[in-house]
């Protein structure tokens, strides 16, 4: 029983860590979006600016993919926690 309690606590810690990571990804995404918008407004149609905005958009896409993976990991951990609690209660 003590082992299951430890498992539940460990899963809670992992879930919090993943949620913190997700929050950080969101913050970084907002920073990149703002940078792309400021770049576009300030420097407009310059080819170099378009190139850098394109790179920012590529980074945003990678952040979106990473966020999706983090979300899936969080969901799996929550499910594992639910199962561990069920076993603990039995």
C-alpha atoms as a PDB file:
ATOM      1  CA  UNK A   1       0.000   0.000   0.000  1.00  0.00           C
ATOM      2  CA  UNK A   2       2.770   2.432   0.841  1.00  0.00           C
ATOM      3  CA  UNK A   3       4.242   1.747  -2.579  1.00  0.00           C
ATOM      4  CA  UNK A   4       0.992   2.755  -4.315  1.00  0.00           C
ATOM      5  CA  UNK A   5       0.853   5.935  -2.264  1.00  0.00           C
ATOM      6  CA  UNK A   6       4.387   6.723  -3.411  1.00  0.00           C
ATOM      7  CA  UNK A   7       3.368   6.043  -7.016  1.00  0.00           C
ATOM      8  CA  UNK A   8       0.411   8.441  -6.721  1.00  0.00           C
ATOM      9  CA  UNK A   9       2.616  11.143  -5.197  1.00  0.00           C
ATOM     10  CA  UNK A  10       5.219  10.647  -7.917  1.00  0.00           C
ATOM     11  CA  UNK A  11       2.582  10.905 -10.626  1.00  0.00           C
ATOM     12  CA  UNK A  12       1.231  14.096  -9.058  1.00  0.00           C
ATOM     13  CA  UNK A  13       4.749  15.553  -9.126  1.00  0.00           C
ATOM     14  CA  UNK A  14       5.183  14.567 -12.769  1.00  0.00           C
ATOM     15  CA  UNK A  15       1.786  16.018 -13.691  1.00  0.00           C
ATOM     16  CA  UNK A  16       2.691  19.343 -12.045  1.00  0.00           C
ATOM     17  CA  UNK A  17       6.036  19.385 -13.859  1.00  0.00           C
ATOM     18  CA  UNK A  18       4.391  18.756 -17.231  1.00  0.00           C
ATOM     19  CA  UNK A  19       1.783  21.446 -16.540  1.00  0.00           C
ATOM     20  CA  UNK A  20       4.549  23.919 -15.656  1.00  0.00           C
ATOM     21  CA  UNK A  21       6.316  22.964 -18.884  1.00  0.00           C
ATOM     22  CA  UNK A  22       3.095  23.544 -20.819  1.00  0.00           C
ATOM     23  CA  UNK A  23       2.752  26.991 -19.242  1.00  0.00           C
ATOM     24  CA  UNK A  24       6.323  27.829 -20.248  1.00  0.00           C
ATOM     25  CA  UNK A  25       5.673  26.664 -23.802  1.00  0.00           C
ATOM     26  CA  UNK A  26       2.616  28.916 -23.959  1.00  0.00           C
ATOM     27  CA  UNK A  27       4.628  31.879 -22.702  1.00  0.00           C
ATOM     28  CA  UNK A  28       7.378  31.234 -25.260  1.00  0.00           C
ATOM     29  CA  UNK A  29       4.785  30.883 -27.999  1.00  0.00           C
ATOM     30  CA  UNK A  30       3.280  34.250 -27.098  1.00  0.00           C
ATOM     31  CA  UNK A  31       6.747  35.837 -27.121  1.00  0.00           C
ATOM     32  CA  UNK A  32       7.482  34.437 -30.587  1.00  0.00           C
ATOM     33  CA  UNK A  33       4.091  35.546 -31.915  1.00  0.00           C
ATOM     34  CA  UNK A  34       4.652  39.048 -30.557  1.00  0.00           C
ATOM     35  CA  UNK A  35       8.152  39.160 -32.036  1.00  0.00           C
ATOM     36  CA  UNK A  36       6.845  38.136 -35.452  1.00  0.00           C
ATOM     37  CA  UNK A  37       4.075  40.742 -35.301  1.00  0.00           C
ATOM     38  CA  UNK A  38       6.403  43.540 -34.164  1.00  0.00           C
ATOM     39  CA  UNK A  39       8.924  42.608 -36.839  1.00  0.00           C
ATOM     40  CA  UNK A  40       6.238  42.641 -39.496  1.00  0.00           C
ATOM     41  CA  UNK A  41       4.765  45.981 -38.399  1.00  0.00           C
ATOM     42  CA  UNK A  42       8.107  47.712 -37.844  1.00  0.00           C
ATOM     43  CA  UNK A  43       9.922  46.539 -40.956  1.00  0.00           C
ATOM     44  CA  UNK A  44       7.175  45.424 -43.257  1.00  0.00           C
ATOM     45  CA  UNK A  45       7.980  43.936 -46.619  1.00  0.00           C
ATOM     46  CA  UNK A  46      11.757  43.707 -46.366  1.00  0.00           C
ATOM     47  CA  UNK A  47      12.977  40.326 -47.676  1.00  0.00           C
ATOM     48  CA  UNK A  48      15.274  39.749 -44.714  1.00  0.00           C
ATOM     49  CA  UNK A  49      12.420  40.471 -42.312  1.00  0.00           C
ATOM     50  CA  UNK A  50      10.147  38.065 -44.195  1.00  0.00           C
ATOM     51  CA  UNK A  51      12.860  35.414 -43.900  1.00  0.00           C
ATOM     52  CA  UNK A  52      13.132  35.907 -40.134  1.00  0.00           C
ATOM     53  CA  UNK A  53       9.372  35.996 -39.692  1.00  0.00           C
ATOM     54  CA  UNK A  54       9.264  32.705 -41.579  1.00  0.00           C
ATOM     55  CA  UNK A  55      11.792  31.243 -39.147  1.00  0.00           C
ATOM     56  CA  UNK A  56       9.740  32.511 -36.209  1.00  0.00           C
ATOM     57  CA  UNK A  57       6.676  30.861 -37.709  1.00  0.00           C
ATOM     58  CA  UNK A  58       8.622  27.593 -38.088  1.00  0.00           C
ATOM     59  CA  UNK A  59       9.601  27.809 -34.419  1.00  0.00           C
ATOM     60  CA  UNK A  60       5.952  28.452 -33.542  1.00  0.00           C
ATOM     61  CA  UNK A  61       4.945  25.309 -35.412  1.00  0.00           C
ATOM     62  CA  UNK A  62       7.548  23.268 -33.526  1.00  0.00           C
ATOM     63  CA  UNK A  63       6.278  24.741 -30.246  1.00  0.00           C
ATOM     64  CA  UNK A  64       2.748  23.750 -31.237  1.00  0.00           C
ATOM     65  CA  UNK A  65       3.908  20.173 -31.852  1.00  0.00           C
ATOM     66  CA  UNK A  66       5.792  20.110 -28.552  1.00  0.00           C
ATOM     67  CA  UNK A  67       2.742  21.464 -26.740  1.00  0.00           C
ATOM     68  CA  UNK A  68       0.630  18.680 -28.234  1.00  0.00           C
ATOM     69  CA  UNK A  69       3.112  16.065 -27.031  1.00  0.00           C
ATOM     70  CA  UNK A  70       3.170  17.613 -23.546  1.00  0.00           C
ATOM     71  CA  UNK A  71      -0.627  17.564 -23.476  1.00  0.00           C
ATOM     72  CA  UNK A  72      -0.674  13.879 -24.418  1.00  0.00           C
ATOM     73  CA  UNK A  73       1.910  13.090 -21.737  1.00  0.00           C
ATOM     74  CA  UNK A  74      -0.138  14.985 -19.123  1.00  0.00           C
ATOM     75  CA  UNK A  75      -3.287  13.083 -20.106  1.00  0.00           C
ATOM     76  CA  UNK A  76      -1.451   9.746 -19.879  1.00  0.00           C
ATOM     77  CA  UNK A  77      -0.057  10.646 -16.463  1.00  0.00           C
ATOM     78  CA  UNK A  78      -3.494  11.652 -15.208  1.00  0.00           C
ATOM     79  CA  UNK A  79      -4.859   8.316 -16.426  1.00  0.00           C
ATOM     80  CA  UNK A  80      -1.995   6.457 -14.729  1.00  0.00           C
ATOM     81  CA  UNK A  81      -2.723   8.356 -11.519  1.00  0.00           C
ATOM     82  CA  UNK A  82      -6.402   7.419 -11.740  1.00  0.00           C
ATOM     83  CA  UNK A  83      -5.476   3.744 -12.160  1.00  0.00           C
ATOM     84  CA  UNK A  84      -2.986   3.901  -9.287  1.00  0.00           C
ATOM     85  CA  UNK A  85      -5.650   5.382  -7.018  1.00  0.00           C
ATOM     86  CA  UNK A  86      -8.061   2.625  -8.009  1.00  0.00           C
ATOM     87  CA  UNK A  87      -5.478  -0.016  -7.119  1.00  0.00           C
ATOM     88  CA  UNK A  88      -4.661   1.810  -3.877  1.00  0.00           C
ATOM     89  CA  UNK A  89      -8.332   1.911  -2.875  1.00  0.00           C
ATOM     90  CA  UNK A  90      -8.845  -1.802  -3.616  1.00  0.00           C
END
